Amino acid sequence: MRWSEVEQQHVPVMLDRIVALLSPALAHGTPEAPAVLIDGTTGHGGHTEAVLGRIPGVRVIGIDRDTSALSLAGARLERFGDRWTGVHANYDEMEDVVADQGLPHVDAVLLDLGVSSMQLDQRERGFAYSEDAPLDMRMDASRGITAADVLNTYSAGELTRVLREYGEEKFASKIARAIVRRRESEPWTNSGALVELLYAEIPAPARRTGGHPGKRTFQALRMEVNDELGGLKRALPASLDVIGIGGRVVVESYHSLEDRLVKQAFTAATRLDVPPDMPFIPEGMEPDFKLVTRGAEQASPVEIEQNPRAASVRLRAIERVSNKSSSQSRSTGGQR
């Protein structure tokens, strides 16, 4: 698939708002001393393209675990030359990526979480429940376990945990027992058989009101295979640590579990470590970060109508205001 075809299929969610949130951290850059953004989930490169096109003096380091996504993004962003650098890695490795690029800090980090429409559309990846395909679901096809491995090796208890925790599936234990029974006679290989099992195990009344019966199970398997919540738990503190003073971290979440982790990390970073009844904040006790968004921002009704994927998005942003409790003494060509 060419990037022009992908661009027609995928519209970045809350694009204008994201560029507006990133701009104060990036606007000081010049061609000689560019401000640096890490796009930790490059995907199709839509967010990066907008930043490079609208904010002069910016360099973007685009990270993605999916090599096919990096290839498509590279074609899309080729016209920006060395203002864009693609790196095959997971976003929880961003501290190593920054060090490998020879940078003591960056000016902003953007994380657009979840699975991309491109990955859903690639039948052979096995993300979608609408077509029969190999049960893979790896975002990085070069390493890690597949969804088939999970279904063929996890105990009923482990499967129940995955379905209940990541898919919020009410019938998790019933489905897990059926998965184990079925693999005793035939191993799991393709998604079609799993969809058939889900239709059989989820009661008809629940199927009529809960959407496609495969939605929650496929989501849970994808999150387990790719360690999505574990990666996010590691990436959030890393993103806060790699930005310098005035730097911002902007995160788009599409799942309540993801947004909860982002909220907890940002709240902890901005919490005052003083007794609540203290009449003033002693000098040097202010937190190193401040919230930029008030709570989680959502897409407008107009955008949701035009792009239904935007309905579940939650957008949060935070800014570093000091380095008091950090080991950083960072400043690069984006120095203020």
C-alpha atoms as a PDB file:
ATOM      1  CA  MET A   1       0.000   0.000   0.000  1.00  0.00           C
ATOM      2  CA  ARG A   2       1.331   3.438  -0.929  1.00  0.00           C
ATOM      3  CA  TRP A   3       1.293   6.240   1.626  1.00  0.00           C
ATOM      4  CA  SER A   4      -1.125   8.277  -0.508  1.00  0.00           C
ATOM      5  CA  GLU A   5      -3.668   5.462  -0.205  1.00  0.00           C
ATOM      6  CA  VAL A   6      -3.120   5.275   3.560  1.00  0.00           C
ATOM      7  CA  GLU A   7      -3.548   9.041   3.877  1.00  0.00           C
ATOM      8  CA  GLN A   8      -6.974   8.797   2.263  1.00  0.00           C
ATOM      9  CA  GLN A   9      -8.030   6.094   4.746  1.00  0.00           C
ATOM     10  CA  HIS A  10      -6.648   7.586   7.955  1.00  0.00           C
ATOM     11  CA  VAL A  11      -7.338  11.032   9.378  1.00  0.00           C
ATOM     12  CA  PRO A  12      -5.295  11.969  12.478  1.00  0.00           C
ATOM     13  CA  VAL A  13      -7.581  12.648  15.435  1.00  0.00           C
ATOM     14  CA  MET A  14      -7.649  16.173  16.964  1.00  0.00           C
ATOM     15  CA  LEU A  15      -4.788  17.171  14.670  1.00  0.00           C
ATOM     16  CA  ASP A  16      -5.144  20.952  14.976  1.00  0.00           C
ATOM     17  CA  ARG A  17      -5.398  20.790  18.769  1.00  0.00           C
ATOM     18  CA  ILE A  18      -2.315  18.589  19.022  1.00  0.00           C
ATOM     19  CA  VAL A  19      -0.247  20.971  16.887  1.00  0.00           C
ATOM     20  CA  ALA A  20      -1.469  23.854  19.064  1.00  0.00           C
ATOM     21  CA  LEU A  21      -0.442  22.031  22.264  1.00  0.00           C
ATOM     22  CA  LEU A  22       3.012  21.205  20.885  1.00  0.00           C
ATOM     23  CA  SER A  23       3.713  24.619  19.351  1.00  0.00           C
ATOM     24  CA  PRO A  24       4.809  26.501  22.528  1.00  0.00           C
ATOM     25  CA  ALA A  25       7.476  23.864  23.189  1.00  0.00           C
ATOM     26  CA  LEU A  26       8.732  23.856  19.592  1.00  0.00           C
ATOM     27  CA  ALA A  27       8.310  27.407  18.295  1.00  0.00           C
ATOM     28  CA  HIS A  28      11.751  28.571  19.480  1.00  0.00           C
ATOM     29  CA  GLY A  29      13.589  26.247  17.084  1.00  0.00           C
ATOM     30  CA  THR A  30      15.571  27.453  14.080  1.00  0.00           C
ATOM     31  CA  PRO A  31      17.081  25.578  11.112  1.00  0.00           C
ATOM     32  CA  GLU A  32      20.499  25.936  12.743  1.00  0.00           C
ATOM     33  CA  ALA A  33      19.307  24.900  16.219  1.00  0.00           C
ATOM     34  CA  PRO A  34      16.071  22.974  15.703  1.00  0.00           C
ATOM     35  CA  ALA A  35      13.616  22.102  18.419  1.00  0.00           C
ATOM     36  CA  VAL A  36      13.189  18.335  18.642  1.00  0.00           C
ATOM     37  CA  LEU A  37       9.942  16.358  18.870  1.00  0.00           C
ATOM     38  CA  ILE A  38       9.738  12.637  19.510  1.00  0.00           C
ATOM     39  CA  ASP A  39       6.720  11.152  17.769  1.00  0.00           C
ATOM     40  CA  GLY A  40       6.683   7.957  19.780  1.00  0.00           C
ATOM     41  CA  THR A  41       3.984   6.295  17.693  1.00  0.00           C
ATOM     42  CA  THR A  42       4.735   7.496  14.161  1.00  0.00           C
ATOM     43  CA  GLY A  43       2.162   5.328  12.407  1.00  0.00           C
ATOM     44  CA  HIS A  44       1.244   6.923   9.103  1.00  0.00           C
ATOM     45  CA  GLY A  45       3.195  10.085   9.903  1.00  0.00           C
ATOM     46  CA  GLY A  46       0.144  12.362   9.852  1.00  0.00           C
ATOM     47  CA  HIS A  47       0.940  14.179  13.091  1.00  0.00           C
ATOM     48  CA  THR A  48       4.601  14.546  12.154  1.00  0.00           C
ATOM     49  CA  GLU A  49       3.719  15.885   8.720  1.00  0.00           C
ATOM     50  CA  ALA A  50       1.509  18.569  10.266  1.00  0.00           C
ATOM     51  CA  VAL A  51       4.169  19.612  12.781  1.00  0.00           C
ATOM     52  CA  LEU A  52       6.944  19.787  10.170  1.00  0.00           C
ATOM     53  CA  GLY A  53       4.704  21.652   7.757  1.00  0.00           C
ATOM     54  CA  ARG A  54       3.303  24.192  10.226  1.00  0.00           C
ATOM     55  CA  ILE A  55       6.177  24.835  12.636  1.00  0.00           C
ATOM     56  CA  PRO A  56       9.497  25.835  11.044  1.00  0.00           C
ATOM     57  CA  GLY A  57      12.741  24.985  12.785  1.00  0.00           C
ATOM     58  CA  VAL A  58      11.568  21.597  14.074  1.00  0.00           C
ATOM     59  CA  ARG A  59      13.170  18.191  13.759  1.00  0.00           C
ATOM     60  CA  VAL A  60      11.140  15.032  14.453  1.00  0.00           C
ATOM     61  CA  ILE A  61      12.453  11.672  15.604  1.00  0.00           C
ATOM     62  CA  GLY A  62       9.768   9.194  14.615  1.00  0.00           C
ATOM     63  CA  ILE A  63       9.652   5.954  16.624  1.00  0.00           C
ATOM     64  CA  ASP A  64       7.538   2.947  15.691  1.00  0.00           C
ATOM     65  CA  ARG A  65       7.766  -0.779  16.390  1.00  0.00           C
ATOM     66  CA  ASP A  66       6.054  -1.506  13.054  1.00  0.00           C
ATOM     67  CA  THR A  67       8.571  -1.518  10.192  1.00  0.00           C
ATOM     68  CA  SER A  68       5.852  -1.260   7.538  1.00  0.00           C
ATOM     69  CA  ALA A  69       4.517   1.894   9.234  1.00  0.00           C
ATOM     70  CA  LEU A  70       7.996   3.418   9.257  1.00  0.00           C
ATOM     71  CA  SER A  71       8.410   2.633   5.573  1.00  0.00           C
ATOM     72  CA  LEU A  72       5.129   4.328   4.666  1.00  0.00           C
ATOM     73  CA  ALA A  73       5.876   7.299   6.911  1.00  0.00           C
ATOM     74  CA  GLY A  74       9.320   7.621   5.354  1.00  0.00           C
ATOM     75  CA  ALA A  75       7.782   7.919   1.878  1.00  0.00           C
ATOM     76  CA  ARG A  76       5.273  10.455   3.134  1.00  0.00           C
ATOM     77  CA  LEU A  77       7.877  12.590   4.904  1.00  0.00           C
ATOM     78  CA  GLU A  78      10.675  12.302   2.352  1.00  0.00           C
ATOM     79  CA  ARG A  79      10.252  15.903   1.234  1.00  0.00           C
ATOM     80  CA  PHE A  80      11.314  17.134   4.680  1.00  0.00           C
ATOM     81  CA  GLY A  81      14.787  15.639   4.277  1.00  0.00           C
ATOM     82  CA  ASP A  82      16.846  15.310   7.454  1.00  0.00           C
ATOM     83  CA  ARG A  83      14.192  17.110   9.514  1.00  0.00           C
ATOM     84  CA  TRP A  84      12.684  13.628  10.040  1.00  0.00           C
ATOM     85  CA  THR A  85      14.514  10.569  11.353  1.00  0.00           C
ATOM     86  CA  GLY A  86      12.760   7.200  11.560  1.00  0.00           C
ATOM     87  CA  VAL A  87      13.767   4.745  14.288  1.00  0.00           C
ATOM     88  CA  HIS A  88      12.592   1.125  14.622  1.00  0.00           C
ATOM     89  CA  ALA A  89      11.940   0.781  18.349  1.00  0.00           C
ATOM     90  CA  ASN A  90       9.155   0.753  20.914  1.00  0.00           C
ATOM     91  CA  TYR A  91       8.287   4.041  22.547  1.00  0.00           C
ATOM     92  CA  ASP A  92       9.334   2.787  25.967  1.00  0.00           C
ATOM     93  CA  GLU A  93      12.895   2.780  24.573  1.00  0.00           C
ATOM     94  CA  MET A  94      12.857   6.531  23.880  1.00  0.00           C
ATOM     95  CA  GLU A  95      15.574   7.324  26.428  1.00  0.00           C
ATOM     96  CA  ASP A  96      17.955   5.066  24.516  1.00  0.00           C
ATOM     97  CA  VAL A  97      16.810   6.591  21.228  1.00  0.00           C
ATOM     98  CA  VAL A  98      17.510  10.117  22.500  1.00  0.00           C
ATOM     99  CA  ALA A  99      20.962   9.057  23.721  1.00  0.00           C
ATOM    100  CA  ASP A 100      21.720   7.308  20.414  1.00  0.00           C
ATOM    101  CA  GLN A 101      20.855  10.536  18.588  1.00  0.00           C
ATOM    102  CA  GLY A 102      23.403  12.374  20.729  1.00  0.00           C
ATOM    103  CA  LEU A 103      20.797  14.579  22.411  1.00  0.00           C
ATOM    104  CA  PRO A 104      20.786  15.473  26.112  1.00  0.00           C
ATOM    105  CA  HIS A 105      17.048  16.253  25.919  1.00  0.00           C
ATOM    106  CA  VAL A 106      14.170  16.857  23.526  1.00  0.00           C
ATOM    107  CA  ASP A 107      11.535  19.577  23.486  1.00  0.00           C
ATOM    108  CA  ALA A 108       8.348  17.544  23.161  1.00  0.00           C
ATOM    109  CA  VAL A 109       6.961  14.012  23.054  1.00  0.00           C
ATOM    110  CA  LEU A 110       3.766  12.911  21.300  1.00  0.00           C
ATOM    111  CA  LEU A 111       2.118   9.534  21.934  1.00  0.00           C
ATOM    112  CA  ASP A 112      -0.932   8.445  19.910  1.00  0.00           C
ATOM    113  CA  LEU A 113      -1.858   5.156  21.555  1.00  0.00           C
ATOM    114  CA  GLY A 114      -3.606   2.030  20.335  1.00  0.00           C
ATOM    115  CA  VAL A 115      -3.778   0.203  17.019  1.00  0.00           C
ATOM    116  CA  SER A 116      -3.773   2.102  13.732  1.00  0.00           C
ATOM    117  CA  SER A 117      -6.335   1.762  10.952  1.00  0.00           C
ATOM    118  CA  MET A 118      -3.525   0.642   8.656  1.00  0.00           C
ATOM    119  CA  GLN A 119      -2.774  -2.325  10.912  1.00  0.00           C
ATOM    120  CA  LEU A 120      -6.466  -3.194  11.090  1.00  0.00           C
ATOM    121  CA  ASP A 121      -6.702  -3.066   7.313  1.00  0.00           C
ATOM    122  CA  GLN A 122      -3.773  -5.439   6.731  1.00  0.00           C
ATOM    123  CA  ARG A 123      -5.580  -8.775   6.719  1.00  0.00           C
ATOM    124  CA  GLU A 124      -2.460 -10.858   7.260  1.00  0.00           C
ATOM    125  CA  ARG A 125      -1.734  -9.131  10.584  1.00  0.00           C
ATOM    126  CA  GLY A 126      -4.806 -10.724  12.221  1.00  0.00           C
ATOM    127  CA  PHE A 127      -5.929  -7.607  14.152  1.00  0.00           C
ATOM    128  CA  ALA A 128      -9.442  -7.491  12.716  1.00  0.00           C
ATOM    129  CA  TYR A 129     -12.273  -9.877  13.545  1.00  0.00           C
ATOM    130  CA  SER A 130     -14.118  -9.122  10.292  1.00  0.00           C
ATOM    131  CA  GLU A 131     -11.928 -11.413   8.164  1.00  0.00           C
ATOM    132  CA  ASP A 132     -10.417 -14.851   8.642  1.00  0.00           C
ATOM    133  CA  ALA A 133      -6.644 -14.413   9.004  1.00  0.00           C
ATOM    134  CA  PRO A 134      -3.659 -15.859  10.894  1.00  0.00           C
ATOM    135  CA  LEU A 135      -3.824 -15.037  14.609  1.00  0.00           C
ATOM    136  CA  ASP A 136      -0.704 -12.869  14.786  1.00  0.00           C
ATOM    137  CA  MET A 137      -1.558  -9.354  16.104  1.00  0.00           C
ATOM    138  CA  ARG A 138       2.072  -8.323  16.685  1.00  0.00           C
ATOM    139  CA  MET A 139       2.759  -4.656  15.995  1.00  0.00           C
ATOM    140  CA  ASP A 140       6.411  -5.606  15.596  1.00  0.00           C
ATOM    141  CA  ALA A 141       6.324  -8.694  13.400  1.00  0.00           C
ATOM    142  CA  SER A 142      10.029  -9.343  14.020  1.00  0.00           C
ATOM    143  CA  ARG A 143       9.706 -10.405  17.656  1.00  0.00           C
ATOM    144  CA  GLY A 144       7.424 -11.551  20.434  1.00  0.00           C
ATOM    145  CA  ILE A 145       4.586 -13.999  20.909  1.00  0.00           C
ATOM    146  CA  THR A 146       1.551 -14.118  18.632  1.00  0.00           C
ATOM    147  CA  ALA A 147      -2.132 -14.235  19.525  1.00  0.00           C
ATOM    148  CA  ALA A 148      -2.103 -17.915  18.517  1.00  0.00           C
ATOM    149  CA  ASP A 149       0.681 -18.531  21.048  1.00  0.00           C
ATOM    150  CA  VAL A 150      -1.461 -16.942  23.760  1.00  0.00           C
ATOM    151  CA  LEU A 151      -4.514 -19.022  22.874  1.00  0.00           C
ATOM    152  CA  ASN A 152      -2.501 -22.264  22.637  1.00  0.00           C
ATOM    153  CA  THR A 153      -0.360 -21.924  25.772  1.00  0.00           C
ATOM    154  CA  TYR A 154      -2.082 -19.775  28.408  1.00  0.00           C
ATOM    155  CA  SER A 155      -4.052 -21.532  31.119  1.00  0.00           C
ATOM    156  CA  ALA A 156      -7.774 -20.909  31.482  1.00  0.00           C
ATOM    157  CA  GLY A 157      -7.030 -18.671  34.458  1.00  0.00           C
ATOM    158  CA  GLU A 158      -4.473 -16.625  32.533  1.00  0.00           C
ATOM    159  CA  LEU A 159      -6.834 -16.253  29.573  1.00  0.00           C
ATOM    160  CA  THR A 160      -9.621 -15.152  31.915  1.00  0.00           C
ATOM    161  CA  ARG A 161      -7.361 -12.458  33.360  1.00  0.00           C
ATOM    162  CA  VAL A 162      -6.401 -11.166  29.914  1.00  0.00           C
ATOM    163  CA  LEU A 163      -9.995 -11.047  28.640  1.00  0.00           C
ATOM    164  CA  ARG A 164     -11.342  -9.481  31.812  1.00  0.00           C
ATOM    165  CA  GLU A 165      -8.556  -6.944  32.404  1.00  0.00           C
ATOM    166  CA  TYR A 166      -7.858  -5.792  28.843  1.00  0.00           C
ATOM    167  CA  GLY A 167     -11.178  -6.496  27.152  1.00  0.00           C
ATOM    168  CA  GLU A 168     -13.539  -5.912  30.076  1.00  0.00           C
ATOM    169  CA  GLU A 169     -15.318  -9.046  28.850  1.00  0.00           C
ATOM    170  CA  LYS A 170     -18.175 -10.141  31.119  1.00  0.00           C
ATOM    171  CA  PHE A 171     -18.007 -13.727  29.861  1.00  0.00           C
ATOM    172  CA  ALA A 172     -14.220 -14.005  30.209  1.00  0.00           C
ATOM    173  CA  SER A 173     -14.102 -17.259  32.196  1.00  0.00           C
ATOM    174  CA  LYS A 174     -16.679 -18.961  29.972  1.00  0.00           C
ATOM    175  CA  ILE A 175     -14.766 -17.984  26.824  1.00  0.00           C
ATOM    176  CA  ALA A 176     -11.416 -18.998  28.344  1.00  0.00           C
ATOM    177  CA  ARG A 177     -12.664 -22.490  29.224  1.00  0.00           C
ATOM    178  CA  ALA A 178     -14.024 -22.928  25.706  1.00  0.00           C
ATOM    179  CA  ILE A 179     -10.703 -21.815  24.180  1.00  0.00           C
ATOM    180  CA  VAL A 180      -8.809 -24.416  26.234  1.00  0.00           C
ATOM    181  CA  ARG A 181     -11.308 -27.178  25.369  1.00  0.00           C
ATOM    182  CA  ARG A 182     -11.070 -26.449  21.662  1.00  0.00           C
ATOM    183  CA  ARG A 183      -7.260 -26.468  21.516  1.00  0.00           C
ATOM    184  CA  GLU A 184      -7.179 -29.993  23.012  1.00  0.00           C
ATOM    185  CA  SER A 185      -8.395 -31.288  19.651  1.00  0.00           C
ATOM    186  CA  GLU A 186      -7.113 -28.609  17.289  1.00  0.00           C
ATOM    187  CA  PRO A 187      -4.592 -25.782  17.846  1.00  0.00           C
ATOM    188  CA  TRP A 188      -5.578 -22.186  17.266  1.00  0.00           C
ATOM    189  CA  THR A 189      -4.254 -20.744  14.007  1.00  0.00           C
ATOM    190  CA  ASN A 190      -6.851 -18.420  12.434  1.00  0.00           C
ATOM    191  CA  SER A 191      -9.226 -15.715  13.591  1.00  0.00           C
ATOM    192  CA  GLY A 192     -12.306 -17.148  11.880  1.00  0.00           C
ATOM    193  CA  ALA A 193     -12.487 -20.103  14.283  1.00  0.00           C
ATOM    194  CA  LEU A 194     -12.160 -17.754  17.254  1.00  0.00           C
ATOM    195  CA  VAL A 195     -15.020 -15.574  16.012  1.00  0.00           C
ATOM    196  CA  GLU A 196     -17.180 -18.699  15.630  1.00  0.00           C
ATOM    197  CA  LEU A 197     -16.400 -19.709  19.214  1.00  0.00           C
ATOM    198  CA  LEU A 198     -17.284 -16.248  20.503  1.00  0.00           C
ATOM    199  CA  TYR A 199     -20.647 -16.322  18.735  1.00  0.00           C
ATOM    200  CA  ALA A 200     -21.304 -19.681  20.356  1.00  0.00           C
ATOM    201  CA  GLU A 201     -20.194 -18.752  23.877  1.00  0.00           C
ATOM    202  CA  ILE A 202     -21.607 -15.227  24.266  1.00  0.00           C
ATOM    203  CA  PRO A 203     -25.370 -15.369  24.917  1.00  0.00           C
ATOM    204  CA  ALA A 204     -27.628 -13.976  22.204  1.00  0.00           C
ATOM    205  CA  PRO A 205     -29.030 -11.090  24.328  1.00  0.00           C
ATOM    206  CA  ALA A 206     -25.486  -9.860  25.016  1.00  0.00           C
ATOM    207  CA  ARG A 207     -24.594 -10.147  21.316  1.00  0.00           C
ATOM    208  CA  ARG A 208     -27.567  -7.973  20.407  1.00  0.00           C
ATOM    209  CA  THR A 209     -26.554  -5.121  22.704  1.00  0.00           C
ATOM    210  CA  GLY A 210     -22.776  -5.326  23.119  1.00  0.00           C
ATOM    211  CA  GLY A 211     -21.527  -4.816  19.579  1.00  0.00           C
ATOM    212  CA  HIS A 212     -19.597  -7.448  17.654  1.00  0.00           C
ATOM    213  CA  PRO A 213     -18.800 -10.388  19.976  1.00  0.00           C
ATOM    214  CA  GLY A 214     -15.176 -10.372  18.816  1.00  0.00           C
ATOM    215  CA  LYS A 215     -14.441  -6.760  19.706  1.00  0.00           C
ATOM    216  CA  ARG A 216     -13.489  -7.199  23.357  1.00  0.00           C
ATOM    217  CA  THR A 217     -11.597 -10.486  22.960  1.00  0.00           C
ATOM    218  CA  PHE A 218      -9.567  -9.276  19.976  1.00  0.00           C
ATOM    219  CA  GLN A 219      -8.721  -6.057  21.802  1.00  0.00           C
ATOM    220  CA  ALA A 220      -7.599  -8.006  24.861  1.00  0.00           C
ATOM    221  CA  LEU A 221      -5.416 -10.367  22.835  1.00  0.00           C
ATOM    222  CA  ARG A 222      -3.815  -7.466  20.956  1.00  0.00           C
ATOM    223  CA  MET A 223      -3.010  -5.658  24.202  1.00  0.00           C
ATOM    224  CA  GLU A 224      -1.519  -8.814  25.728  1.00  0.00           C
ATOM    225  CA  VAL A 225       0.548  -9.726  22.665  1.00  0.00           C
ATOM    226  CA  ASN A 226       2.032  -6.235  22.429  1.00  0.00           C
ATOM    227  CA  ASP A 227       2.292  -5.596  26.190  1.00  0.00           C
ATOM    228  CA  GLU A 228       0.540  -2.296  25.534  1.00  0.00           C
ATOM    229  CA  LEU A 229      -0.152  -1.312  29.119  1.00  0.00           C
ATOM    230  CA  GLY A 230       3.270  -2.468  30.294  1.00  0.00           C
ATOM    231  CA  GLY A 231       4.905  -0.462  27.525  1.00  0.00           C
ATOM    232  CA  LEU A 232       2.859   2.600  28.424  1.00  0.00           C
ATOM    233  CA  LYS A 233       3.776   2.288  32.114  1.00  0.00           C
ATOM    234  CA  ARG A 234       7.442   2.389  31.093  1.00  0.00           C
ATOM    235  CA  ALA A 235       7.042   5.046  28.400  1.00  0.00           C
ATOM    236  CA  LEU A 236       5.269   7.662  30.518  1.00  0.00           C
ATOM    237  CA  PRO A 237       8.086   8.243  33.039  1.00  0.00           C
ATOM    238  CA  ALA A 238      10.614   8.028  30.203  1.00  0.00           C
ATOM    239  CA  SER A 239       8.764  10.740  28.263  1.00  0.00           C
ATOM    240  CA  LEU A 240       8.732  13.020  31.305  1.00  0.00           C
ATOM    241  CA  ASP A 241      12.437  12.459  31.856  1.00  0.00           C
ATOM    242  CA  VAL A 242      13.592  13.193  28.285  1.00  0.00           C
ATOM    243  CA  ILE A 243      12.029  16.657  27.984  1.00  0.00           C
ATOM    244  CA  GLY A 244      13.824  19.808  29.064  1.00  0.00           C
ATOM    245  CA  ILE A 245      12.406  22.891  30.750  1.00  0.00           C
ATOM    246  CA  GLY A 246       9.471  24.194  28.720  1.00  0.00           C
ATOM    247  CA  GLY A 247       9.089  20.793  27.090  1.00  0.00           C
ATOM    248  CA  ARG A 248       5.690  19.172  26.702  1.00  0.00           C
ATOM    249  CA  VAL A 249       4.318  15.627  26.589  1.00  0.00           C
ATOM    250  CA  VAL A 250       1.031  15.179  24.706  1.00  0.00           C
ATOM    251  CA  VAL A 251      -0.849  11.858  24.818  1.00  0.00           C
ATOM    252  CA  GLU A 252      -3.915  10.626  22.942  1.00  0.00           C
ATOM    253  CA  SER A 253      -5.632   7.586  24.492  1.00  0.00           C
ATOM    254  CA  TYR A 254      -8.525   5.544  23.096  1.00  0.00           C
ATOM    255  CA  HIS A 255      -9.076   3.110  25.961  1.00  0.00           C
ATOM    256  CA  SER A 256     -10.069   3.839  29.555  1.00  0.00           C
ATOM    257  CA  LEU A 257      -7.197   1.727  30.932  1.00  0.00           C
ATOM    258  CA  GLU A 258      -4.664   3.744  28.917  1.00  0.00           C
ATOM    259  CA  ASP A 259      -6.165   7.087  29.882  1.00  0.00           C
ATOM    260  CA  ARG A 260      -6.183   6.071  33.534  1.00  0.00           C
ATOM    261  CA  LEU A 261      -2.430   5.385  33.422  1.00  0.00           C
ATOM    262  CA  VAL A 262      -1.769   8.726  31.712  1.00  0.00           C
ATOM    263  CA  LYS A 263      -3.903  10.582  34.254  1.00  0.00           C
ATOM    264  CA  GLN A 264      -2.136   8.875  37.174  1.00  0.00           C
ATOM    265  CA  ALA A 265       1.340   9.632  35.795  1.00  0.00           C
ATOM    266  CA  PHE A 266       0.534  13.287  35.093  1.00  0.00           C
ATOM    267  CA  THR A 267      -1.177  13.750  38.462  1.00  0.00           C
ATOM    268  CA  ALA A 268       1.803  12.291  40.310  1.00  0.00           C
ATOM    269  CA  ALA A 269       4.229  14.523  38.386  1.00  0.00           C
ATOM    270  CA  THR A 270       2.278  17.690  39.227  1.00  0.00           C
ATOM    271  CA  ARG A 271       1.398  16.854  42.850  1.00  0.00           C
ATOM    272  CA  LEU A 272       2.626  19.195  45.596  1.00  0.00           C
ATOM    273  CA  ASP A 273       4.673  17.285  48.161  1.00  0.00           C
ATOM    274  CA  VAL A 274       3.688  19.500  51.106  1.00  0.00           C
ATOM    275  CA  PRO A 275       1.068  19.160  53.879  1.00  0.00           C
ATOM    276  CA  PRO A 276      -2.379  20.190  52.584  1.00  0.00           C
ATOM    277  CA  ASP A 277      -2.860  22.711  55.401  1.00  0.00           C
ATOM    278  CA  MET A 278       0.388  24.586  54.713  1.00  0.00           C
ATOM    279  CA  PRO A 279      -0.525  28.247  54.020  1.00  0.00           C
ATOM    280  CA  PHE A 280       2.199  28.711  51.390  1.00  0.00           C
ATOM    281  CA  ILE A 281       4.466  26.635  49.176  1.00  0.00           C
ATOM    282  CA  PRO A 282       8.092  26.802  50.379  1.00  0.00           C
ATOM    283  CA  GLU A 283      10.608  27.839  47.773  1.00  0.00           C
ATOM    284  CA  GLY A 284      12.016  24.837  45.967  1.00  0.00           C
ATOM    285  CA  MET A 285       9.023  22.596  46.800  1.00  0.00           C
ATOM    286  CA  GLU A 286       7.017  23.381  43.671  1.00  0.00           C
ATOM    287  CA  PRO A 287       6.508  20.409  41.342  1.00  0.00           C
ATOM    288  CA  ASP A 288       8.652  20.115  38.217  1.00  0.00           C
ATOM    289  CA  PHE A 289       5.582  19.856  35.971  1.00  0.00           C
ATOM    290  CA  LYS A 290       2.290  21.616  35.373  1.00  0.00           C
ATOM    291  CA  LEU A 291      -0.812  20.347  33.598  1.00  0.00           C
ATOM    292  CA  VAL A 292      -1.550  22.024  30.281  1.00  0.00           C
ATOM    293  CA  THR A 293      -4.990  20.517  29.695  1.00  0.00           C
ATOM    294  CA  ARG A 294      -7.768  20.636  32.265  1.00  0.00           C
ATOM    295  CA  GLY A 295      -8.671  17.003  32.601  1.00  0.00           C
ATOM    296  CA  ALA A 296      -8.970  15.006  29.402  1.00  0.00           C
ATOM    297  CA  GLU A 297     -10.009  16.904  26.289  1.00  0.00           C
ATOM    298  CA  GLN A 298     -12.324  15.243  23.767  1.00  0.00           C
ATOM    299  CA  ALA A 299     -13.008  15.633  20.079  1.00  0.00           C
ATOM    300  CA  SER A 300     -15.781  17.967  18.972  1.00  0.00           C
ATOM    301  CA  PRO A 301     -19.148  16.590  17.808  1.00  0.00           C
ATOM    302  CA  VAL A 302     -18.315  17.785  14.289  1.00  0.00           C
ATOM    303  CA  GLU A 303     -15.037  15.827  14.213  1.00  0.00           C
ATOM    304  CA  ILE A 304     -16.690  12.724  15.639  1.00  0.00           C
ATOM    305  CA  GLU A 305     -19.340  12.886  12.921  1.00  0.00           C
ATOM    306  CA  GLN A 306     -16.645  13.159  10.257  1.00  0.00           C
ATOM    307  CA  ASN A 307     -14.301  10.628  11.871  1.00  0.00           C
ATOM    308  CA  PRO A 308     -16.062   8.123  14.201  1.00  0.00           C
ATOM    309  CA  ARG A 309     -12.687   6.905  15.519  1.00  0.00           C
ATOM    310  CA  ALA A 310     -12.444  10.227  17.386  1.00  0.00           C
ATOM    311  CA  ALA A 311     -15.395   9.386  19.648  1.00  0.00           C
ATOM    312  CA  SER A 312     -13.310   7.597  22.286  1.00  0.00           C
ATOM    313  CA  VAL A 313     -10.211   9.823  22.264  1.00  0.00           C
ATOM    314  CA  ARG A 314      -8.955  11.436  25.465  1.00  0.00           C
ATOM    315  CA  LEU A 315      -6.203  14.039  25.105  1.00  0.00           C
ATOM    316  CA  ARG A 316      -3.899  15.146  27.935  1.00  0.00           C
ATOM    317  CA  ALA A 317      -0.781  17.353  28.029  1.00  0.00           C
ATOM    318  CA  ILE A 318       1.848  18.275  30.617  1.00  0.00           C
ATOM    319  CA  GLU A 319       4.794  20.708  30.662  1.00  0.00           C
ATOM    320  CA  ARG A 320       8.109  20.662  32.510  1.00  0.00           C
ATOM    321  CA  VAL A 321       8.679  23.919  34.395  1.00  0.00           C
ATOM    322  CA  SER A 322      11.858  23.045  36.334  1.00  0.00           C
ATOM    323  CA  ASN A 323      14.487  20.351  36.907  1.00  0.00           C
ATOM    324  CA  LYS A 324      14.670  20.497  40.687  1.00  0.00           C
ATOM    325  CA  SER A 325      14.077  16.812  41.305  1.00  0.00           C
ATOM    326  CA  SER A 326      15.640  15.610  38.078  1.00  0.00           C
ATOM    327  CA  SER A 327      19.150  14.566  37.202  1.00  0.00           C
ATOM    328  CA  GLN A 328      18.824  16.594  34.014  1.00  0.00           C
ATOM    329  CA  SER A 329      21.020  19.548  33.289  1.00  0.00           C
ATOM    330  CA  ARG A 330      19.977  19.429  29.705  1.00  0.00           C
ATOM    331  CA  SER A 331      20.053  21.922  26.963  1.00  0.00           C
ATOM    332  CA  THR A 332      20.587  21.455  23.276  1.00  0.00           C
ATOM    333  CA  GLY A 333      19.987  23.494  20.180  1.00  0.00           C
ATOM    334  CA  GLY A 334      16.467  24.323  21.347  1.00  0.00           C
ATOM    335  CA  GLN A 335      17.796  26.017  24.387  1.00  0.00           C
ATOM    336  CA  ARG A 336      15.693  28.815  25.839  1.00  0.00           C
END
